[in-house]
Amino acid sequence: MTKTFRLAHAWIDLKGLWGSGGNDQFRAALEGSWVAGQEVFRYGRTWLISRHIAMEQGLWSGHIGSVESDALSTLAWNEETKQFDRGEASGGVLVPFVERSDNFVVQSEFNEETDDQPDC
């Protein structure tokens, strides 16, 4: 099976008061608003944001995703009972992204096999 991925690339254009504040004000706003575990309901599902990783050269990395409980059926062999055990596992969507603070560019990756991804 071949997987196809789509990269989304966005530039954040700061207007008004933000435009005069520059990188320091934007970084402070990003740090204050990026709360790991924060939830929002969009596109028919609850989205969560991961903790961020501050990387070198002003890059921040994280994930946004949605978990669907009991979305997949599972089957496992139980060696103790010598029987098959049916169960359920969660599924969902995970979107990695990177934000660059010095030029306000955001890059993310979407798996093309999932047809219910939000358009960017």
C-alpha atoms as a PDB file:
ATOM      1  CA  MET A   1       0.000   0.000   0.000  1.00  0.00           C
ATOM      2  CA  THR A   2       1.305   3.430  -0.949  1.00  0.00           C
ATOM      3  CA  LYS A   3       0.837   6.354   1.408  1.00  0.00           C
ATOM      4  CA  THR A   4       0.665   9.865   0.057  1.00  0.00           C
ATOM      5  CA  PHE A   5       1.294  12.880   2.267  1.00  0.00           C
ATOM      6  CA  ARG A   6       0.466  16.527   1.715  1.00  0.00           C
ATOM      7  CA  LEU A   7       2.482  19.331   3.255  1.00  0.00           C
ATOM      8  CA  ALA A   8       0.771  22.550   4.247  1.00  0.00           C
ATOM      9  CA  HIS A   9       2.854  25.688   4.395  1.00  0.00           C
ATOM     10  CA  ALA A  10       1.566  28.938   5.905  1.00  0.00           C
ATOM     11  CA  TRP A  11       3.023  32.335   6.676  1.00  0.00           C
ATOM     12  CA  ILE A  12       1.529  34.294   9.569  1.00  0.00           C
ATOM     13  CA  ASP A  13       1.125  37.951   8.610  1.00  0.00           C
ATOM     14  CA  LEU A  14       1.059  40.147  11.711  1.00  0.00           C
ATOM     15  CA  LYS A  15      -1.218  43.176  11.380  1.00  0.00           C
ATOM     16  CA  GLY A  16      -2.032  46.167  13.557  1.00  0.00           C
ATOM     17  CA  LEU A  17      -0.533  46.074  17.042  1.00  0.00           C
ATOM     18  CA  TRP A  18       1.070  42.695  16.371  1.00  0.00           C
ATOM     19  CA  GLY A  19       3.047  44.073  13.459  1.00  0.00           C
ATOM     20  CA  SER A  20       4.911  46.528  15.665  1.00  0.00           C
ATOM     21  CA  GLY A  21       5.576  43.986  18.453  1.00  0.00           C
ATOM     22  CA  GLY A  22       7.667  41.651  16.343  1.00  0.00           C
ATOM     23  CA  ASN A  23       9.091  38.321  17.390  1.00  0.00           C
ATOM     24  CA  ASP A  24       9.164  38.858  21.156  1.00  0.00           C
ATOM     25  CA  GLN A  25       5.460  39.660  21.409  1.00  0.00           C
ATOM     26  CA  PHE A  26       4.521  36.802  19.077  1.00  0.00           C
ATOM     27  CA  ARG A  27       6.688  34.328  21.002  1.00  0.00           C
ATOM     28  CA  ALA A  28       5.147  35.425  24.323  1.00  0.00           C
ATOM     29  CA  ALA A  29       1.641  34.981  22.890  1.00  0.00           C
ATOM     30  CA  LEU A  30       2.567  31.549  21.512  1.00  0.00           C
ATOM     31  CA  GLU A  31       4.044  30.435  24.835  1.00  0.00           C
ATOM     32  CA  GLY A  32       0.977  31.681  26.714  1.00  0.00           C
ATOM     33  CA  SER A  33      -1.574  30.059  24.426  1.00  0.00           C
ATOM     34  CA  TRP A  34       0.077  26.724  23.612  1.00  0.00           C
ATOM     35  CA  VAL A  35      -1.289  24.630  26.483  1.00  0.00           C
ATOM     36  CA  ALA A  36      -0.689  20.883  26.240  1.00  0.00           C
ATOM     37  CA  GLY A  37      -3.964  18.988  26.444  1.00  0.00           C
ATOM     38  CA  GLN A  38      -6.070  21.968  25.339  1.00  0.00           C
ATOM     39  CA  GLU A  39      -9.213  20.761  23.504  1.00  0.00           C
ATOM     40  CA  VAL A  40     -11.431  22.246  20.798  1.00  0.00           C
ATOM     41  CA  PHE A  41     -14.360  20.664  18.946  1.00  0.00           C
ATOM     42  CA  ARG A  42     -14.085  21.131  15.154  1.00  0.00           C
ATOM     43  CA  TYR A  43     -14.897  19.058  12.045  1.00  0.00           C
ATOM     44  CA  GLY A  44     -17.094  16.698  14.086  1.00  0.00           C
ATOM     45  CA  ARG A  45     -14.385  15.639  16.527  1.00  0.00           C
ATOM     46  CA  THR A  46     -12.460  16.852  19.568  1.00  0.00           C
ATOM     47  CA  TRP A  47      -8.921  18.009  18.728  1.00  0.00           C
ATOM     48  CA  LEU A  48      -6.079  18.086  21.272  1.00  0.00           C
ATOM     49  CA  ILE A  49      -2.713  19.821  21.141  1.00  0.00           C
ATOM     50  CA  SER A  50       0.457  18.137  22.399  1.00  0.00           C
ATOM     51  CA  ARG A  51       3.188  19.641  24.506  1.00  0.00           C
ATOM     52  CA  HIS A  52       5.620  21.626  22.407  1.00  0.00           C
ATOM     53  CA  ILE A  53       9.277  21.016  21.912  1.00  0.00           C
ATOM     54  CA  ALA A  54      11.379  24.151  21.608  1.00  0.00           C
ATOM     55  CA  MET A  55      14.110  23.282  19.169  1.00  0.00           C
ATOM     56  CA  GLU A  56      17.201  25.104  17.997  1.00  0.00           C
ATOM     57  CA  GLN A  57      17.015  28.139  15.717  1.00  0.00           C
ATOM     58  CA  GLY A  58      13.590  29.316  16.928  1.00  0.00           C
ATOM     59  CA  LEU A  59      11.680  26.219  15.819  1.00  0.00           C
ATOM     60  CA  TRP A  60       8.787  24.823  17.851  1.00  0.00           C
ATOM     61  CA  SER A  61       7.447  21.353  17.131  1.00  0.00           C
ATOM     62  CA  GLY A  62       4.212  19.709  18.221  1.00  0.00           C
ATOM     63  CA  HIS A  63       1.191  17.680  17.200  1.00  0.00           C
ATOM     64  CA  ILE A  64      -2.512  18.312  16.923  1.00  0.00           C
ATOM     65  CA  GLY A  65      -4.757  15.299  16.790  1.00  0.00           C
ATOM     66  CA  SER A  66      -8.051  13.638  17.493  1.00  0.00           C
ATOM     67  CA  VAL A  67      -8.586  10.301  19.231  1.00  0.00           C
ATOM     68  CA  GLU A  68     -11.625   8.127  18.520  1.00  0.00           C
ATOM     69  CA  SER A  69     -12.155   5.674  21.391  1.00  0.00           C
ATOM     70  CA  ASP A  70     -12.989   2.088  20.416  1.00  0.00           C
ATOM     71  CA  ALA A  71     -12.687   2.915  16.713  1.00  0.00           C
ATOM     72  CA  LEU A  72     -10.914  -0.296  15.693  1.00  0.00           C
ATOM     73  CA  SER A  73     -11.618  -3.968  16.350  1.00  0.00           C
ATOM     74  CA  THR A  74      -8.642  -5.996  17.524  1.00  0.00           C
ATOM     75  CA  LEU A  75      -7.910  -9.692  17.752  1.00  0.00           C
ATOM     76  CA  ALA A  76      -5.194 -11.224  19.891  1.00  0.00           C
ATOM     77  CA  TRP A  77      -4.141 -14.744  20.829  1.00  0.00           C
ATOM     78  CA  ASN A  78      -4.312 -15.465  24.552  1.00  0.00           C
ATOM     79  CA  GLU A  79      -1.627 -18.038  25.307  1.00  0.00           C
ATOM     80  CA  GLU A  80      -3.008 -18.674  28.801  1.00  0.00           C
ATOM     81  CA  THR A  81      -6.573 -19.575  27.709  1.00  0.00           C
ATOM     82  CA  LYS A  82      -5.582 -20.801  24.229  1.00  0.00           C
ATOM     83  CA  GLN A  83      -8.371 -18.645  22.783  1.00  0.00           C
ATOM     84  CA  PHE A  84      -8.702 -15.581  20.603  1.00  0.00           C
ATOM     85  CA  ASP A  85      -9.606 -12.407  22.486  1.00  0.00           C
ATOM     86  CA  ARG A  86     -11.553  -9.682  20.724  1.00  0.00           C
ATOM     87  CA  GLY A  87     -11.105  -6.112  21.806  1.00  0.00           C
ATOM     88  CA  GLU A  88     -11.209  -2.536  20.692  1.00  0.00           C
ATOM     89  CA  ALA A  89      -8.516   0.062  20.221  1.00  0.00           C
ATOM     90  CA  SER A  90      -8.569   3.771  19.641  1.00  0.00           C
ATOM     91  CA  GLY A  91      -7.891   5.324  16.262  1.00  0.00           C
ATOM     92  CA  GLY A  92      -7.740   8.883  15.073  1.00  0.00           C
ATOM     93  CA  VAL A  93      -5.784  11.538  13.267  1.00  0.00           C
ATOM     94  CA  LEU A  94      -2.377  12.976  14.136  1.00  0.00           C
ATOM     95  CA  VAL A  95      -0.910  16.041  12.416  1.00  0.00           C
ATOM     96  CA  PRO A  96       2.730  16.964  13.144  1.00  0.00           C
ATOM     97  CA  PHE A  97       3.719  20.599  12.630  1.00  0.00           C
ATOM     98  CA  VAL A  98       6.623  22.977  13.091  1.00  0.00           C
ATOM     99  CA  GLU A  99       6.458  26.729  13.716  1.00  0.00           C
ATOM    100  CA  ARG A 100       9.396  29.007  13.060  1.00  0.00           C
ATOM    101  CA  SER A 101       9.302  32.105  15.263  1.00  0.00           C
ATOM    102  CA  ASP A 102      11.730  34.313  13.362  1.00  0.00           C
ATOM    103  CA  ASN A 103       9.686  34.431  10.141  1.00  0.00           C
ATOM    104  CA  PHE A 104       6.259  33.169  11.364  1.00  0.00           C
ATOM    105  CA  VAL A 105       6.129  30.159   9.024  1.00  0.00           C
ATOM    106  CA  VAL A 106       4.141  27.036   9.969  1.00  0.00           C
ATOM    107  CA  GLN A 107       4.618  23.696   8.206  1.00  0.00           C
ATOM    108  CA  SER A 108       2.355  20.669   8.757  1.00  0.00           C
ATOM    109  CA  GLU A 109       1.845  17.239   7.206  1.00  0.00           C
ATOM    110  CA  PHE A 110      -1.467  15.522   6.346  1.00  0.00           C
ATOM    111  CA  ASN A 111      -1.959  11.893   5.388  1.00  0.00           C
ATOM    112  CA  GLU A 112      -3.893  11.815   2.098  1.00  0.00           C
ATOM    113  CA  GLU A 113      -5.494   8.427   2.936  1.00  0.00           C
ATOM    114  CA  THR A 114      -7.757  10.090   5.506  1.00  0.00           C
ATOM    115  CA  ASP A 115     -10.515  11.935   3.676  1.00  0.00           C
ATOM    116  CA  ASP A 116     -11.872  13.922   6.640  1.00  0.00           C
ATOM    117  CA  GLN A 117      -8.816  16.108   7.286  1.00  0.00           C
ATOM    118  CA  PRO A 118      -9.434  19.841   7.606  1.00  0.00           C
ATOM    119  CA  ASP A 119      -8.421  21.919   4.603  1.00  0.00           C
ATOM    120  CA  CYS A 120      -5.551  24.307   5.171  1.00  0.00           C
END
